[in-house]
Amino acid sequence: GLINFFNEETQGVFGRVMYPISNKRKNSKARINEFGKDAFAEMIRKASKSNFLKGDGNKGFVAKFDWMIRPLIFKK
């Protein structure tokens, strides 16, 4: 599934998503339904290549799964 893909693709750099999935995280299904599985996978691949999202920015911000699936963030 997509959770396993996320964990494998990101190798824990954004934290690992564990089962059972919380109701909040089930919101990811809304993004998948809206944009499709390919777009979700592409977002994960792009995030994995972003040094900023992996914590190389000034403030050490590291993106997490819940942040990535927010509607406005996902679109970016």
N, C-alpha and C. Protein backbone atom coordinates (compact mmCIF):
# COMPACT_ATOMS: atom_id res chain seq x y z
N GLY A 1 0.80 -1.18 0.00
CA GLY A 1 0.00 0.00 0.00
C GLY A 1 0.86 1.26 0.00
N LEU A 2 0.20 2.37 0.02
CA LEU A 2 0.91 3.65 -0.03
C LEU A 2 1.70 3.96 1.25
N ILE A 3 1.22 3.46 2.38
CA ILE A 3 1.97 3.68 3.62
C ILE A 3 3.30 2.94 3.55
N ASN A 4 3.27 1.70 3.09
CA ASN A 4 4.52 0.96 2.93
C ASN A 4 5.43 1.64 1.92
N PHE A 5 4.86 2.13 0.82
CA PHE A 5 5.63 2.86 -0.18
C PHE A 5 6.29 4.08 0.44
N PHE A 6 5.53 4.84 1.24
CA PHE A 6 6.06 6.02 1.90
C PHE A 6 7.26 5.64 2.78
N ASN A 7 7.09 4.62 3.60
CA ASN A 7 8.16 4.21 4.52
C ASN A 7 9.39 3.73 3.76
N GLU A 8 9.19 2.96 2.70
CA GLU A 8 10.32 2.44 1.94
C GLU A 8 11.01 3.55 1.14
N GLU A 9 10.24 4.39 0.50
CA GLU A 9 10.78 5.44 -0.36
C GLU A 9 11.55 6.48 0.45
N THR A 10 11.06 6.81 1.64
CA THR A 10 11.68 7.88 2.42
C THR A 10 12.71 7.37 3.42
N GLN A 11 12.78 6.06 3.62
CA GLN A 11 13.75 5.46 4.54
C GLN A 11 13.77 6.12 5.91
N GLY A 12 12.62 6.56 6.39
CA GLY A 12 12.51 7.11 7.73
C GLY A 12 12.94 8.56 7.89
N VAL A 13 13.39 9.20 6.81
CA VAL A 13 13.88 10.58 6.93
C VAL A 13 12.76 11.54 7.35
N PHE A 14 11.52 11.23 7.03
CA PHE A 14 10.38 12.04 7.43
C PHE A 14 9.59 11.37 8.57
N GLY A 15 10.19 10.42 9.23
CA GLY A 15 9.49 9.63 10.23
C GLY A 15 8.80 8.47 9.55
N ARG A 16 8.48 7.47 10.32
CA ARG A 16 7.80 6.30 9.76
C ARG A 16 6.33 6.35 10.12
N VAL A 17 5.50 5.92 9.22
CA VAL A 17 4.06 5.85 9.48
C VAL A 17 3.76 4.42 9.90
N MET A 18 3.14 4.30 11.05
CA MET A 18 2.87 2.98 11.62
C MET A 18 1.37 2.67 11.56
N TYR A 19 1.05 1.40 11.56
CA TYR A 19 -0.34 0.96 11.64
C TYR A 19 -0.71 0.80 13.10
N PRO A 20 -1.94 0.95 13.55
CA PRO A 20 -3.07 1.36 12.73
C PRO A 20 -3.01 2.84 12.39
N ILE A 21 -3.60 3.20 11.27
CA ILE A 21 -3.60 4.57 10.79
C ILE A 21 -4.64 5.38 11.58
N SER A 22 -4.22 6.53 12.08
CA SER A 22 -5.14 7.40 12.83
C SER A 22 -6.17 8.01 11.88
N ASN A 23 -7.26 8.47 12.45
CA ASN A 23 -8.30 9.13 11.64
C ASN A 23 -7.72 10.33 10.90
N LYS A 24 -6.83 11.08 11.57
CA LYS A 24 -6.22 12.24 10.94
C LYS A 24 -5.43 11.82 9.70
N ARG A 25 -4.71 10.73 9.82
CA ARG A 25 -3.91 10.27 8.68
C ARG A 25 -4.75 9.67 7.58
N LYS A 26 -5.94 9.26 7.92
CA LYS A 26 -6.83 8.74 6.89
C LYS A 26 -7.21 9.84 5.90
N ASN A 27 -6.92 11.09 6.27
CA ASN A 27 -7.13 12.21 5.35
C ASN A 27 -6.30 12.04 4.09
N SER A 28 -5.23 11.27 4.17
CA SER A 28 -4.41 11.04 2.98
C SER A 28 -5.25 10.43 1.87
N LYS A 29 -6.28 9.67 2.25
CA LYS A 29 -7.15 9.08 1.24
C LYS A 29 -7.89 10.16 0.46
N ALA A 30 -8.19 11.28 1.12
CA ALA A 30 -8.83 12.39 0.42
C ALA A 30 -7.90 12.94 -0.66
N ARG A 31 -6.60 13.06 -0.35
CA ARG A 31 -5.64 13.53 -1.36
C ARG A 31 -5.53 12.52 -2.48
N ILE A 32 -5.51 11.25 -2.14
CA ILE A 32 -5.40 10.21 -3.16
C ILE A 32 -6.63 10.23 -4.06
N ASN A 33 -7.81 10.34 -3.46
CA ASN A 33 -9.04 10.38 -4.25
C ASN A 33 -9.08 11.61 -5.14
N GLU A 34 -8.55 12.72 -4.64
CA GLU A 34 -8.58 13.97 -5.40
C GLU A 34 -7.55 13.99 -6.52
N PHE A 35 -6.34 13.50 -6.24
CA PHE A 35 -5.24 13.63 -7.20
C PHE A 35 -4.78 12.32 -7.83
N GLY A 36 -5.11 11.19 -7.22
CA GLY A 36 -4.71 9.89 -7.73
C GLY A 36 -3.45 9.36 -7.06
N LYS A 37 -3.30 8.04 -7.12
CA LYS A 37 -2.15 7.38 -6.48
C LYS A 37 -0.83 7.81 -7.10
N ASP A 38 -0.80 8.03 -8.40
CA ASP A 38 0.45 8.43 -9.05
C ASP A 38 0.92 9.79 -8.53
N ALA A 39 -0.02 10.70 -8.34
CA ALA A 39 0.34 12.04 -7.82
C ALA A 39 0.83 11.93 -6.39
N PHE A 40 0.22 11.05 -5.60
CA PHE A 40 0.66 10.84 -4.22
C PHE A 40 2.09 10.30 -4.21
N ALA A 41 2.36 9.30 -5.04
CA ALA A 41 3.70 8.72 -5.13
C ALA A 41 4.70 9.76 -5.61
N GLU A 42 4.31 10.57 -6.57
CA GLU A 42 5.21 11.62 -7.09
C GLU A 42 5.52 12.65 -6.00
N MET A 43 4.53 13.01 -5.19
CA MET A 43 4.77 13.94 -4.08
C MET A 43 5.81 13.36 -3.13
N ILE A 44 5.71 12.08 -2.82
CA ILE A 44 6.66 11.44 -1.92
C ILE A 44 8.05 11.43 -2.54
N ARG A 45 8.14 11.12 -3.82
CA ARG A 45 9.45 11.10 -4.49
C ARG A 45 10.09 12.50 -4.50
N LYS A 46 9.29 13.51 -4.80
CA LYS A 46 9.81 14.88 -4.83
C LYS A 46 10.27 15.31 -3.43
N ALA A 47 9.47 15.00 -2.42
CA ALA A 47 9.84 15.36 -1.05
C ALA A 47 11.14 14.68 -0.65
N SER A 48 11.32 13.44 -1.07
CA SER A 48 12.53 12.69 -0.73
C SER A 48 13.78 13.30 -1.34
N LYS A 49 13.62 14.06 -2.42
CA LYS A 49 14.76 14.70 -3.09
C LYS A 49 15.02 16.11 -2.59
N SER A 50 14.14 16.62 -1.72
CA SER A 50 14.25 17.99 -1.24
C SER A 50 15.09 18.07 0.03
N ASN A 51 16.27 18.67 -0.08
CA ASN A 51 17.11 18.84 1.10
C ASN A 51 16.41 19.68 2.16
N PHE A 52 15.68 20.73 1.73
CA PHE A 52 14.98 21.58 2.68
C PHE A 52 13.98 20.78 3.51
N LEU A 53 13.18 19.95 2.84
CA LEU A 53 12.17 19.16 3.55
C LEU A 53 12.80 18.11 4.46
N LYS A 54 14.05 17.74 4.18
CA LYS A 54 14.75 16.75 5.00
C LYS A 54 15.53 17.40 6.15
N GLY A 55 15.41 18.73 6.31
CA GLY A 55 15.99 19.37 7.48
C GLY A 55 17.22 20.22 7.23
N ASP A 56 17.55 20.48 5.98
CA ASP A 56 18.75 21.28 5.69
C ASP A 56 18.51 22.78 5.65
N GLY A 57 17.32 23.22 6.03
CA GLY A 57 17.03 24.66 6.06
C GLY A 57 17.60 25.31 7.32
N ASN A 58 17.51 26.62 7.40
CA ASN A 58 18.03 27.39 8.54
C ASN A 58 17.49 26.91 9.87
N LYS A 59 16.20 26.62 9.90
CA LYS A 59 15.54 26.32 11.17
C LYS A 59 15.46 24.82 11.46
N GLY A 60 15.98 24.01 10.57
CA GLY A 60 15.97 22.57 10.80
C GLY A 60 14.60 21.92 10.68
N PHE A 61 13.68 22.60 9.99
CA PHE A 61 12.35 22.02 9.77
C PHE A 61 12.49 20.71 9.01
N VAL A 62 11.80 19.69 9.48
CA VAL A 62 11.74 18.41 8.77
C VAL A 62 10.26 18.11 8.52
N ALA A 63 9.91 17.88 7.27
CA ALA A 63 8.53 17.56 6.91
C ALA A 63 8.15 16.21 7.50
N LYS A 64 6.90 16.07 7.86
CA LYS A 64 6.36 14.80 8.33
C LYS A 64 5.16 14.45 7.46
N PHE A 65 4.77 13.20 7.50
CA PHE A 65 3.67 12.71 6.67
C PHE A 65 2.42 13.57 6.83
N ASP A 66 2.04 13.87 8.09
CA ASP A 66 0.81 14.63 8.32
C ASP A 66 0.88 16.02 7.69
N TRP A 67 2.06 16.63 7.69
CA TRP A 67 2.24 17.94 7.08
C TRP A 67 2.10 17.83 5.56
N MET A 68 2.70 16.80 4.99
CA MET A 68 2.69 16.62 3.53
C MET A 68 1.30 16.41 2.97
N ILE A 69 0.40 15.79 3.74
CA ILE A 69 -0.92 15.47 3.20
C ILE A 69 -1.95 16.59 3.42
N ARG A 70 -1.54 17.69 4.04
CA ARG A 70 -2.46 18.84 4.16
C ARG A 70 -2.83 19.28 2.74
N PRO A 71 -4.09 19.65 2.53
CA PRO A 71 -4.53 19.97 1.17
C PRO A 71 -3.67 21.02 0.46
N LEU A 72 -3.36 22.14 1.10
CA LEU A 72 -2.60 23.18 0.42
C LEU A 72 -1.14 22.80 0.23
N ILE A 73 -0.57 22.07 1.16
CA ILE A 73 0.81 21.62 1.05
C ILE A 73 0.94 20.58 -0.06
N PHE A 74 0.03 19.63 -0.09
CA PHE A 74 0.08 18.56 -1.10
C PHE A 74 0.10 19.14 -2.50
N LYS A 75 -0.71 20.16 -2.73
CA LYS A 75 -0.80 20.76 -4.07
C LYS A 75 0.53 21.37 -4.52
N LYS A 76 1.30 21.88 -3.57
CA LYS A 76 2.60 22.49 -3.91
C LYS A 76 3.57 21.43 -4.37
